[in-house]
């Protein structure tokens, strides 16, 4: 039998707290799995985009893998804009400018997986 460095975790939805993200209007973040749950390599977060939410163009020092859970909203990546919907997936490489905009009447949300590494956000707008 092999020795494990990490213990399994099952985290229930009501146990996740969502906080407003200060630098973006109408954006909330919940850490689904992170340091407190002992994740060894990645953090799993869920972001909620309220109707009218705007996240300015910015870059991160780490890549983002995202999965759209609900709603329709616009993601700007480099010089392109994409309307995404539930079930769509995105890869935003480290250093690539991106933004979010929810012009609809329904909330949008997405899961975001990022590597456990130092990340610095640089706003372009």
N, C-alpha and C. Protein backbone atom coordinates (compact mmCIF):
# COMPACT_ATOMS: atom_id res chain seq x y z
N UNK A 1 0.84 -1.18 0.00
CA UNK A 1 0.00 0.00 0.00
C UNK A 1 0.89 1.25 0.00
N UNK A 2 0.58 2.23 -0.84
CA UNK A 2 1.38 3.44 -0.91
C UNK A 2 0.91 4.46 0.12
N UNK A 3 1.84 5.29 0.52
CA UNK A 3 1.54 6.35 1.48
C UNK A 3 1.07 7.58 0.74
N UNK A 4 0.01 8.22 1.24
CA UNK A 4 -0.53 9.42 0.58
C UNK A 4 -0.02 10.67 1.27
N UNK A 5 0.26 11.69 0.45
CA UNK A 5 0.63 13.00 0.99
C UNK A 5 -0.61 13.86 1.20
N UNK A 6 -1.67 13.55 0.47
CA UNK A 6 -2.88 14.36 0.51
C UNK A 6 -4.07 13.46 0.85
N UNK A 7 -4.93 13.97 1.70
CA UNK A 7 -6.14 13.23 2.07
C UNK A 7 -7.29 13.64 1.15
N UNK A 8 -8.20 12.71 0.84
CA UNK A 8 -9.38 13.06 0.05
C UNK A 8 -10.25 14.08 0.79
N UNK A 9 -10.94 14.90 0.02
CA UNK A 9 -11.82 15.92 0.59
C UNK A 9 -13.13 15.94 -0.20
N UNK A 10 -14.23 16.00 0.50
CA UNK A 10 -15.53 16.26 -0.10
C UNK A 10 -16.03 17.54 0.55
N UNK A 11 -16.22 18.56 -0.24
CA UNK A 11 -16.65 19.86 0.29
C UNK A 11 -18.07 20.13 -0.19
N UNK A 12 -18.95 20.42 0.72
CA UNK A 12 -20.35 20.65 0.40
C UNK A 12 -20.58 22.09 -0.01
N UNK A 13 -21.48 22.31 -0.98
CA UNK A 13 -21.77 23.64 -1.52
C UNK A 13 -22.10 24.66 -0.44
N UNK A 14 -22.90 24.34 0.59
CA UNK A 14 -23.22 25.36 1.60
C UNK A 14 -22.02 25.81 2.42
N UNK A 15 -20.92 25.05 2.36
CA UNK A 15 -19.72 25.40 3.14
C UNK A 15 -18.82 26.41 2.44
N UNK A 16 -19.13 26.72 1.18
CA UNK A 16 -18.31 27.66 0.40
C UNK A 16 -18.84 29.07 0.61
N UNK A 17 -17.95 29.96 1.02
CA UNK A 17 -18.31 31.37 1.19
C UNK A 17 -17.85 32.16 -0.03
N UNK A 18 -18.72 33.05 -0.50
CA UNK A 18 -18.40 33.89 -1.66
C UNK A 18 -18.16 35.30 -1.17
N UNK A 19 -17.10 35.91 -1.68
CA UNK A 19 -16.74 37.28 -1.32
C UNK A 19 -16.69 38.14 -2.57
N UNK A 20 -17.07 39.40 -2.41
CA UNK A 20 -16.97 40.35 -3.52
C UNK A 20 -15.49 40.55 -3.86
N UNK A 21 -15.19 40.62 -5.15
CA UNK A 21 -13.84 40.91 -5.61
C UNK A 21 -13.75 42.42 -5.75
N UNK A 22 -12.90 43.05 -4.95
CA UNK A 22 -12.83 44.51 -4.86
C UNK A 22 -12.56 45.22 -6.18
N UNK A 23 -11.74 44.63 -7.02
CA UNK A 23 -11.29 45.34 -8.22
C UNK A 23 -12.22 45.19 -9.41
N UNK A 24 -13.38 44.56 -9.20
CA UNK A 24 -14.32 44.36 -10.31
C UNK A 24 -15.74 44.51 -9.79
N UNK A 25 -16.56 45.27 -10.50
CA UNK A 25 -17.95 45.46 -10.10
C UNK A 25 -18.79 44.23 -10.45
N UNK A 26 -19.51 43.70 -9.47
CA UNK A 26 -20.43 42.60 -9.71
C UNK A 26 -19.79 41.23 -9.82
N UNK A 27 -18.58 41.07 -9.30
CA UNK A 27 -17.87 39.79 -9.35
C UNK A 27 -17.69 39.27 -7.93
N UNK A 28 -18.00 37.98 -7.72
CA UNK A 28 -17.82 37.33 -6.42
C UNK A 28 -17.02 36.04 -6.63
N UNK A 29 -16.19 35.71 -5.64
CA UNK A 29 -15.34 34.52 -5.74
C UNK A 29 -15.55 33.62 -4.54
N UNK A 30 -15.66 32.33 -4.82
CA UNK A 30 -15.67 31.31 -3.78
C UNK A 30 -14.56 30.32 -4.06
N UNK A 31 -13.74 30.02 -3.06
CA UNK A 31 -12.69 29.02 -3.22
C UNK A 31 -13.31 27.67 -2.87
N UNK A 32 -13.48 26.83 -3.88
CA UNK A 32 -14.08 25.52 -3.68
C UNK A 32 -13.08 24.56 -3.05
N UNK A 33 -11.87 24.53 -3.60
CA UNK A 33 -10.78 23.73 -3.06
C UNK A 33 -9.51 24.55 -3.15
N UNK A 34 -8.83 24.68 -2.02
CA UNK A 34 -7.61 25.48 -1.97
C UNK A 34 -6.74 25.07 -0.81
N UNK A 35 -5.95 26.00 -0.31
CA UNK A 35 -5.01 25.72 0.77
C UNK A 35 -5.68 25.09 1.99
N UNK A 36 -6.83 25.61 2.37
CA UNK A 36 -7.51 25.10 3.57
C UNK A 36 -7.94 23.65 3.42
N UNK A 37 -8.10 23.19 2.18
CA UNK A 37 -8.48 21.81 1.94
C UNK A 37 -7.27 20.93 1.61
N UNK A 38 -6.08 21.53 1.62
CA UNK A 38 -4.85 20.78 1.40
C UNK A 38 -4.56 20.43 -0.05
N UNK A 39 -5.04 21.25 -1.00
CA UNK A 39 -4.77 20.96 -2.41
C UNK A 39 -3.27 21.04 -2.69
N UNK A 40 -2.69 20.04 -3.33
CA UNK A 40 -1.25 20.05 -3.54
C UNK A 40 -0.77 20.83 -4.76
N UNK A 41 -1.57 20.89 -5.83
CA UNK A 41 -1.07 21.45 -7.09
C UNK A 41 -1.90 22.58 -7.68
N UNK A 42 -3.23 22.57 -7.44
CA UNK A 42 -4.13 23.52 -8.08
C UNK A 42 -5.14 24.03 -7.06
N UNK A 43 -5.71 25.20 -7.36
CA UNK A 43 -6.85 25.73 -6.62
C UNK A 43 -8.04 25.75 -7.57
N UNK A 44 -9.21 25.39 -7.03
CA UNK A 44 -10.45 25.40 -7.80
C UNK A 44 -11.35 26.46 -7.21
N UNK A 45 -11.73 27.42 -8.06
CA UNK A 45 -12.55 28.54 -7.60
C UNK A 45 -13.79 28.65 -8.47
N UNK A 46 -14.83 29.25 -7.92
CA UNK A 46 -16.02 29.55 -8.70
C UNK A 46 -16.24 31.05 -8.63
N UNK A 47 -16.44 31.66 -9.79
CA UNK A 47 -16.71 33.09 -9.88
C UNK A 47 -18.15 33.29 -10.32
N UNK A 48 -18.81 34.27 -9.70
CA UNK A 48 -20.18 34.64 -10.04
C UNK A 48 -20.16 36.02 -10.68
N UNK A 49 -20.75 36.15 -11.85
CA UNK A 49 -20.83 37.42 -12.58
C UNK A 49 -22.27 37.90 -12.55
N UNK A 50 -22.55 38.89 -11.73
CA UNK A 50 -23.89 39.45 -11.65
C UNK A 50 -24.27 40.09 -12.99
N UNK A 51 -25.57 40.22 -13.28
CA UNK A 51 -25.96 41.00 -14.46
C UNK A 51 -25.34 42.40 -14.37
N UNK A 52 -24.73 42.84 -15.46
CA UNK A 52 -24.07 44.14 -15.47
C UNK A 52 -22.63 44.10 -14.98
N UNK A 53 -22.13 42.94 -14.57
CA UNK A 53 -20.75 42.83 -14.05
C UNK A 53 -19.73 43.17 -15.12
N UNK A 54 -18.66 43.82 -14.68
CA UNK A 54 -17.55 44.19 -15.56
C UNK A 54 -16.24 43.87 -14.84
N UNK A 55 -15.39 43.11 -15.51
CA UNK A 55 -14.04 42.84 -14.99
C UNK A 55 -13.08 43.43 -16.01
N UNK A 56 -12.31 44.46 -15.62
CA UNK A 56 -11.43 45.14 -16.59
C UNK A 56 -10.34 44.23 -17.16
N UNK A 57 -9.81 44.66 -18.31
CA UNK A 57 -8.70 43.91 -18.95
C UNK A 57 -7.54 43.82 -17.98
N UNK A 58 -7.02 42.60 -17.87
CA UNK A 58 -5.91 42.37 -16.97
C UNK A 58 -5.12 41.14 -17.42
N UNK A 59 -3.97 40.96 -16.82
CA UNK A 59 -3.17 39.75 -17.05
C UNK A 59 -2.91 39.10 -15.70
N UNK A 60 -2.62 37.81 -15.76
CA UNK A 60 -2.19 37.05 -14.59
C UNK A 60 -0.88 36.37 -14.92
N UNK A 61 -0.11 36.07 -13.90
CA UNK A 61 1.15 35.38 -14.12
C UNK A 61 1.00 33.87 -14.19
N UNK A 62 -0.22 33.38 -13.96
CA UNK A 62 -0.48 31.94 -14.07
C UNK A 62 -1.60 31.71 -15.07
N UNK A 63 -1.59 30.54 -15.68
CA UNK A 63 -2.65 30.18 -16.61
C UNK A 63 -3.97 29.98 -15.88
N UNK A 64 -5.07 30.04 -16.63
CA UNK A 64 -6.41 29.78 -16.11
C UNK A 64 -7.09 28.77 -17.02
N UNK A 65 -7.64 27.73 -16.44
CA UNK A 65 -8.55 26.85 -17.17
C UNK A 65 -9.93 27.12 -16.60
N UNK A 66 -10.91 27.37 -17.47
CA UNK A 66 -12.24 27.75 -17.00
C UNK A 66 -13.31 26.91 -17.66
N UNK A 67 -14.39 26.72 -16.90
CA UNK A 67 -15.57 26.00 -17.39
C UNK A 67 -16.79 26.82 -17.02
N UNK A 68 -17.60 27.17 -18.02
CA UNK A 68 -18.78 27.99 -17.80
C UNK A 68 -19.88 27.11 -17.22
N UNK A 69 -20.36 27.49 -16.03
CA UNK A 69 -21.39 26.72 -15.32
C UNK A 69 -22.78 27.20 -15.71
N UNK A 70 -22.96 28.52 -15.76
CA UNK A 70 -24.30 29.05 -16.06
C UNK A 70 -24.20 30.41 -16.72
N UNK A 71 -25.26 30.76 -17.45
CA UNK A 71 -25.36 32.08 -18.05
C UNK A 71 -24.64 32.20 -19.37
N UNK A 72 -24.81 33.39 -19.96
CA UNK A 72 -24.12 33.79 -21.18
C UNK A 72 -23.43 35.11 -20.88
N UNK A 73 -22.16 35.22 -21.20
CA UNK A 73 -21.43 36.46 -20.97
C UNK A 73 -20.28 36.56 -21.98
N UNK A 74 -19.63 37.69 -22.00
CA UNK A 74 -18.57 37.95 -22.96
C UNK A 74 -17.21 37.90 -22.27
N UNK A 75 -16.29 37.19 -22.90
CA UNK A 75 -14.91 37.13 -22.43
C UNK A 75 -14.04 37.74 -23.52
N UNK A 76 -13.27 38.75 -23.17
CA UNK A 76 -12.29 39.31 -24.09
C UNK A 76 -10.96 38.62 -23.84
N UNK A 77 -10.36 38.08 -24.90
CA UNK A 77 -9.05 37.45 -24.80
C UNK A 77 -8.19 38.03 -25.90
N UNK A 78 -7.11 38.68 -25.52
CA UNK A 78 -6.29 39.45 -26.46
C UNK A 78 -7.20 40.42 -27.19
N UNK A 79 -7.24 40.37 -28.52
CA UNK A 79 -8.04 41.32 -29.30
C UNK A 79 -9.39 40.74 -29.75
N UNK A 80 -9.74 39.56 -29.26
CA UNK A 80 -10.98 38.90 -29.65
C UNK A 80 -11.98 38.93 -28.51
N UNK A 81 -13.28 38.92 -28.85
CA UNK A 81 -14.35 38.80 -27.86
C UNK A 81 -15.14 37.54 -28.19
N UNK A 82 -15.48 36.80 -27.14
CA UNK A 82 -16.21 35.55 -27.29
C UNK A 82 -17.43 35.57 -26.37
N UNK A 83 -18.59 35.22 -26.92
CA UNK A 83 -19.76 35.00 -26.08
C UNK A 83 -19.71 33.54 -25.67
N UNK A 84 -19.70 33.31 -24.35
CA UNK A 84 -19.62 31.94 -23.84
C UNK A 84 -20.91 31.60 -23.12
N UNK A 85 -21.20 30.30 -23.07
CA UNK A 85 -22.43 29.78 -22.47
C UNK A 85 -22.10 28.54 -21.65
N UNK A 86 -23.05 28.13 -20.83
CA UNK A 86 -22.88 26.94 -20.00
C UNK A 86 -22.35 25.77 -20.82
N UNK A 87 -21.32 25.13 -20.32
CA UNK A 87 -20.70 23.99 -20.99
C UNK A 87 -19.46 24.34 -21.78
N UNK A 88 -19.21 25.64 -22.04
CA UNK A 88 -18.01 26.05 -22.77
C UNK A 88 -16.80 26.01 -21.85
N UNK A 89 -15.63 25.80 -22.45
CA UNK A 89 -14.37 25.77 -21.71
C UNK A 89 -13.39 26.75 -22.33
N UNK A 90 -12.51 27.30 -21.48
CA UNK A 90 -11.53 28.28 -21.95
C UNK A 90 -10.16 27.98 -21.35
N UNK A 91 -9.13 28.25 -22.14
CA UNK A 91 -7.76 28.26 -21.64
C UNK A 91 -7.24 29.67 -21.85
N UNK A 92 -6.84 30.30 -20.77
CA UNK A 92 -6.24 31.63 -20.85
C UNK A 92 -4.81 31.48 -20.36
N UNK A 93 -3.85 31.47 -21.29
CA UNK A 93 -2.45 31.29 -20.89
C UNK A 93 -1.94 32.44 -20.01
N UNK A 94 -0.92 32.16 -19.26
CA UNK A 94 -0.29 33.17 -18.41
C UNK A 94 0.13 34.36 -19.27
N UNK A 95 -0.10 35.57 -18.77
CA UNK A 95 0.34 36.78 -19.45
C UNK A 95 -0.60 37.29 -20.53
N UNK A 96 -1.68 36.58 -20.83
CA UNK A 96 -2.60 36.99 -21.88
C UNK A 96 -3.67 37.93 -21.30
N UNK A 97 -3.89 39.06 -21.97
CA UNK A 97 -4.91 40.01 -21.51
C UNK A 97 -6.28 39.40 -21.67
N UNK A 98 -7.13 39.60 -20.63
CA UNK A 98 -8.49 39.11 -20.70
C UNK A 98 -9.41 39.96 -19.83
N UNK A 99 -10.71 39.88 -20.13
CA UNK A 99 -11.72 40.65 -19.41
C UNK A 99 -13.04 39.89 -19.47
N UNK A 100 -14.01 40.32 -18.65
CA UNK A 100 -15.33 39.69 -18.60
C UNK A 100 -16.39 40.77 -18.55
N UNK A 101 -17.53 40.47 -19.19
CA UNK A 101 -18.65 41.41 -19.20
C UNK A 101 -19.96 40.62 -19.28
N UNK A 102 -20.85 40.89 -18.35
CA UNK A 102 -22.15 40.22 -18.37
C UNK A 102 -23.21 41.27 -18.68
N UNK A 103 -23.62 41.32 -19.94
CA UNK A 103 -24.64 42.28 -20.38
C UNK A 103 -26.05 41.70 -20.26
N UNK A 104 -26.18 40.46 -19.83
CA UNK A 104 -27.48 39.82 -19.76
C UNK A 104 -28.22 40.13 -18.47
N UNK A 105 -29.41 39.54 -18.37
CA UNK A 105 -30.26 39.70 -17.19
C UNK A 105 -30.08 38.56 -16.19
N UNK A 106 -29.31 37.56 -16.56
CA UNK A 106 -29.08 36.38 -15.71
C UNK A 106 -27.64 36.38 -15.20
N UNK A 107 -27.46 35.79 -14.04
CA UNK A 107 -26.10 35.64 -13.50
C UNK A 107 -25.33 34.66 -14.36
N UNK A 108 -24.05 34.92 -14.52
CA UNK A 108 -23.14 33.97 -15.13
C UNK A 108 -22.20 33.44 -14.07
N UNK A 109 -21.69 32.24 -14.27
CA UNK A 109 -20.68 31.74 -13.34
C UNK A 109 -19.76 30.77 -14.07
N UNK A 110 -18.54 30.67 -13.53
CA UNK A 110 -17.58 29.76 -14.12
C UNK A 110 -16.66 29.20 -13.05
N UNK A 111 -16.20 27.98 -13.31
CA UNK A 111 -15.17 27.37 -12.49
C UNK A 111 -13.83 27.77 -13.08
N UNK A 112 -12.86 28.00 -12.21
CA UNK A 112 -11.54 28.42 -12.65
C UNK A 112 -10.50 27.62 -11.88
N UNK A 113 -9.67 26.91 -12.61
CA UNK A 113 -8.58 26.14 -12.00
C UNK A 113 -7.28 26.87 -12.31
N UNK A 114 -6.49 27.10 -11.25
CA UNK A 114 -5.20 27.75 -11.42
C UNK A 114 -4.13 26.97 -10.67
N UNK A 115 -2.91 26.94 -11.20
CA UNK A 115 -1.83 26.27 -10.47
C UNK A 115 -1.49 27.02 -9.20
N UNK A 116 -1.01 26.28 -8.22
CA UNK A 116 -0.56 26.91 -6.98
C UNK A 116 0.81 27.54 -7.24
N UNK A 117 0.80 28.81 -7.49
CA UNK A 117 2.03 29.55 -7.77
C UNK A 117 1.75 31.01 -7.46
N UNK A 118 2.80 31.78 -7.29
CA UNK A 118 2.61 33.21 -7.07
C UNK A 118 1.95 33.80 -8.31
N UNK A 119 0.91 34.59 -8.08
CA UNK A 119 0.20 35.21 -9.19
C UNK A 119 0.07 36.70 -8.91
N UNK A 120 0.39 37.47 -9.91
CA UNK A 120 0.20 38.92 -9.80
C UNK A 120 -0.73 39.36 -10.90
N UNK A 121 -1.75 40.12 -10.52
CA UNK A 121 -2.71 40.65 -11.47
C UNK A 121 -2.25 42.04 -11.90
N UNK A 122 -2.17 42.27 -13.19
CA UNK A 122 -1.81 43.58 -13.71
C UNK A 122 -2.97 44.09 -14.56
N UNK A 123 -3.57 45.23 -14.15
CA UNK A 123 -4.69 45.79 -14.90
C UNK A 123 -4.17 46.61 -16.06
N UNK A 124 -4.82 46.42 -17.23
CA UNK A 124 -4.42 47.08 -18.46
C UNK A 124 -5.25 48.35 -18.65
N UNK A 125 -6.51 48.35 -18.21
CA UNK A 125 -7.41 49.50 -18.38
C UNK A 125 -7.28 50.44 -17.21
